[in-house]
N, C-alpha and C. Protein backbone atom coordinates (compact mmCIF):
# COMPACT_ATOMS: atom_id res chain seq x y z
N MET A 1 117.70 -19.19 141.83
CA MET A 1 118.24 -18.28 141.49
C MET A 1 120.05 -18.98 141.49
N THR A 2 119.78 -19.60 142.55
CA THR A 2 121.58 -20.62 143.48
C THR A 2 122.06 -20.95 142.04
N LYS A 3 120.51 -21.53 141.73
CA LYS A 3 121.36 -23.16 141.00
C LYS A 3 121.71 -22.44 139.98
N THR A 4 121.35 -21.15 139.26
CA THR A 4 122.22 -20.26 137.95
C THR A 4 123.61 -19.90 138.21
N LEU A 5 123.46 -19.55 139.01
CA LEU A 5 124.89 -19.23 139.57
C LEU A 5 125.79 -20.13 140.10
N ARG A 6 125.27 -21.46 140.21
CA ARG A 6 126.24 -22.33 140.34
C ARG A 6 126.61 -22.73 138.78
N LYS A 7 125.72 -22.81 138.24
CA LYS A 7 125.96 -23.41 137.03
C LYS A 7 126.68 -22.57 135.87
N GLY A 8 126.74 -21.12 136.58
CA GLY A 8 127.57 -20.31 136.00
C GLY A 8 128.83 -20.73 136.84
N GLN A 9 129.14 -20.41 137.75
CA GLN A 9 130.19 -20.52 138.42
C GLN A 9 130.65 -21.97 137.74
N THR A 10 130.51 -22.87 137.43
CA THR A 10 131.22 -24.33 137.27
C THR A 10 131.36 -24.21 135.88
N MET A 11 131.02 -23.40 134.92
CA MET A 11 130.95 -22.57 133.48
C MET A 11 132.67 -22.21 133.30
N VAL A 12 132.53 -20.98 134.30
CA VAL A 12 133.90 -20.52 134.18
C VAL A 12 134.77 -21.34 135.11
N GLU A 13 134.61 -21.85 135.77
CA GLU A 13 135.83 -22.79 136.41
C GLU A 13 136.32 -24.14 135.39
N TYR A 14 135.40 -24.64 134.62
CA TYR A 14 136.28 -25.53 133.71
C TYR A 14 136.71 -24.45 132.26
N ILE A 15 136.14 -23.01 132.37
CA ILE A 15 136.88 -22.58 131.12
C ILE A 15 138.52 -22.22 131.90
N ILE A 16 138.35 -22.09 132.84
CA ILE A 16 139.96 -21.72 133.41
C ILE A 16 140.77 -22.68 133.39
N ILE A 17 140.43 -23.83 133.96
CA ILE A 17 141.03 -25.29 133.48
C ILE A 17 141.29 -25.27 132.04
N VAL A 18 140.36 -25.48 131.12
CA VAL A 18 140.88 -25.77 129.53
C VAL A 18 141.83 -24.55 129.68
N ALA A 19 141.55 -23.04 129.63
CA ALA A 19 143.02 -22.45 129.73
C ALA A 19 144.30 -22.55 130.12
N LEU A 20 144.13 -23.53 131.29
CA LEU A 20 145.31 -23.49 131.91
C LEU A 20 146.11 -24.72 131.27
N ILE A 21 145.45 -25.81 130.39
CA ILE A 21 145.30 -26.90 129.83
C ILE A 21 146.08 -26.17 128.70
N ALA A 22 145.30 -25.23 128.26
CA ALA A 22 146.18 -24.78 126.24
C ALA A 22 147.12 -23.93 126.50
N VAL A 23 147.30 -23.30 127.90
CA VAL A 23 148.52 -22.43 127.52
C VAL A 23 149.76 -23.42 128.17
N SER A 24 149.49 -24.27 128.53
CA SER A 24 150.83 -25.50 129.34
C SER A 24 150.60 -26.34 128.27
N LEU A 25 150.14 -26.41 127.29
CA LEU A 25 150.62 -27.57 125.94
C LEU A 25 150.86 -26.77 125.13
N ILE A 26 150.83 -25.38 125.13
CA ILE A 26 151.70 -24.46 123.91
C ILE A 26 153.22 -24.36 124.40
N ALA A 27 152.95 -24.03 125.89
CA ALA A 27 155.02 -23.97 126.40
C ALA A 27 155.65 -25.07 125.81
N VAL A 28 154.99 -26.52 126.06
CA VAL A 28 155.34 -27.81 126.00
C VAL A 28 155.51 -27.86 124.76
N PHE A 29 154.96 -27.60 123.84
CA PHE A 29 155.31 -28.04 122.59
C PHE A 29 156.38 -26.97 121.82
N THR A 30 156.10 -25.75 122.18
CA THR A 30 157.08 -24.72 121.79
C THR A 30 158.55 -25.59 122.36
N TYR A 31 158.65 -26.12 123.70
CA TYR A 31 160.04 -26.42 123.98
C TYR A 31 160.49 -27.51 123.22
N LEU A 32 159.35 -28.53 123.01
CA LEU A 32 159.96 -29.64 121.98
C LEU A 32 159.92 -29.42 120.50
N SER A 33 159.43 -28.40 120.28
CA SER A 33 159.38 -28.05 118.72
C SER A 33 160.95 -27.97 118.39
N ARG A 34 161.94 -27.01 119.54
CA ARG A 34 162.81 -27.16 118.82
C ARG A 34 163.55 -27.98 119.33
N ALA A 35 163.75 -28.97 120.05
CA ALA A 35 163.96 -30.22 120.25
C ALA A 35 163.68 -31.12 118.77
N ILE A 36 163.23 -30.96 118.26
CA ILE A 36 162.43 -32.22 117.15
C ILE A 36 163.45 -31.64 115.99
N GLY A 37 163.09 -30.22 116.42
CA GLY A 37 163.83 -29.23 115.29
C GLY A 37 165.27 -29.87 114.96
N LYS A 38 165.89 -29.54 115.62
CA LYS A 38 167.30 -30.33 116.03
C LYS A 38 168.11 -31.45 115.96
N LYS A 39 166.96 -32.21 116.31
CA LYS A 39 167.26 -33.73 116.38
C LYS A 39 167.12 -34.09 114.50
N ALA A 40 165.45 -33.62 113.93
CA ALA A 40 165.53 -33.42 112.17
C ALA A 40 166.33 -32.81 111.75
N ALA A 41 167.06 -32.16 112.22
CA ALA A 41 168.45 -31.87 111.18
C ALA A 41 169.18 -32.25 111.40
N GLY A 42 169.52 -33.04 112.57
CA GLY A 42 170.79 -33.95 112.40
C GLY A 42 170.57 -35.33 111.50
N ALA A 43 169.29 -35.75 111.53
CA ALA A 43 169.29 -36.62 110.87
C ALA A 43 169.38 -36.68 109.16
N THR A 44 168.53 -35.55 108.74
CA THR A 44 168.81 -34.83 107.57
C THR A 44 170.26 -34.80 107.36
N GLU A 45 170.94 -34.70 108.14
CA GLU A 45 172.80 -34.15 107.92
C GLU A 45 173.29 -35.20 107.67
N ALA A 46 173.03 -36.15 108.53
CA ALA A 46 173.65 -37.92 108.50
C ALA A 46 173.21 -38.60 106.83
N LEU A 47 171.69 -38.30 106.77
CA LEU A 47 171.24 -38.94 105.66
C LEU A 47 172.23 -37.97 104.49
N SER A 48 172.13 -37.02 104.38
CA SER A 48 172.82 -36.34 103.11
C SER A 48 174.36 -36.44 102.54
N SER A 49 174.63 -36.48 104.05
CA SER A 49 176.23 -36.86 103.94
C SER A 49 176.16 -38.36 103.28
N GLU A 50 175.43 -39.28 103.99
CA GLU A 50 175.38 -40.95 104.16
C GLU A 50 175.08 -41.21 101.85
N GLU A 51 174.21 -40.44 101.98
CA GLU A 51 174.14 -40.28 100.21
C GLU A 51 174.83 -40.01 98.92
N GLY A 52 175.45 -39.10 99.91
CA GLY A 52 176.83 -38.35 99.10
C GLY A 52 177.27 -39.30 98.66
N ASN A 53 178.02 -40.02 100.19
CA ASN A 53 179.37 -40.68 100.01
C ASN A 53 178.77 -42.58 98.81
N LYS A 54 177.60 -42.55 98.60
CA LYS A 54 177.15 -43.60 98.56
C LYS A 54 177.37 -43.19 97.21
N ALA A 55 176.66 -41.88 96.62
CA ALA A 55 176.34 -41.62 95.12
C ALA A 55 178.32 -41.78 94.07
N LYS A 56 179.18 -41.46 95.32
CA LYS A 56 180.66 -40.87 95.01
C LYS A 56 180.88 -42.32 94.40
N SER A 57 180.66 -43.23 95.73
CA SER A 57 181.83 -44.17 95.44
C SER A 57 180.58 -44.68 94.22
N ALA A 58 179.76 -45.42 94.12
CA ALA A 58 179.05 -45.86 93.14
C ALA A 58 179.64 -44.94 91.35
N ALA A 59 180.05 -43.89 91.54
CA ALA A 59 180.81 -42.88 90.49
C ALA A 59 181.77 -43.37 90.37
N ASP A 60 182.81 -43.79 91.15
CA ASP A 60 183.74 -43.61 91.33
C ASP A 60 184.09 -45.23 90.66
N SER A 61 183.05 -46.21 90.76
CA SER A 61 183.15 -47.60 90.86
C SER A 61 182.72 -47.89 89.36
N ILE A 62 182.06 -46.74 88.38
CA ILE A 62 182.00 -47.39 87.15
C ILE A 62 183.09 -46.58 86.38
N SER A 63 183.63 -47.19 85.71
CA SER A 63 184.85 -47.17 84.76
C SER A 63 184.16 -46.24 83.24
N SER A 64 185.23 -45.67 82.39
CA SER A 64 184.88 -45.56 81.11
C SER A 64 185.19 -46.39 80.28
N ASP A 65 185.59 -47.60 80.83
CA ASP A 65 185.82 -49.06 80.13
C ASP A 65 184.13 -49.66 79.89
N SER A 66 183.83 -49.76 81.20
CA SER A 66 181.84 -50.02 81.15
C SER A 66 181.54 -49.60 80.38
N ILE A 67 181.60 -48.00 80.60
CA ILE A 67 180.30 -47.04 80.19
C ILE A 67 180.45 -47.03 78.31
N LYS A 68 181.98 -47.77 78.01
CA LYS A 68 182.18 -47.98 76.43
C LYS A 68 181.53 -48.75 76.13
N SER A 69 181.82 -50.03 77.00
CA SER A 69 181.11 -51.25 76.42
C SER A 69 179.38 -51.44 76.77
N LEU A 70 178.89 -50.47 77.29
CA LEU A 70 177.09 -50.73 77.46
C LEU A 70 176.73 -49.67 75.68
N GLY A 71 177.91 -48.73 75.07
CA GLY A 71 177.28 -48.27 74.18
C GLY A 71 177.71 -49.55 72.91
N GLU A 72 177.83 -50.31 73.01
CA GLU A 72 178.30 -51.37 71.64
C GLU A 72 177.13 -52.57 71.67
């Protein structure tokens, strides 16, 4: 009987440890998701602004004469 009680106690201890680890991981991932979200938003904004500037300068560099010469 003592051996059975010891196995049950050990199982409960493992369950408690796993639950504590799960709760702490959820807290860490929640905190990091905000930070990662802010970094991703900043990177996306920087890339879109950079791509927009490249597209504008490319459009400005094409003159109407070069477009006409393509048609000939």
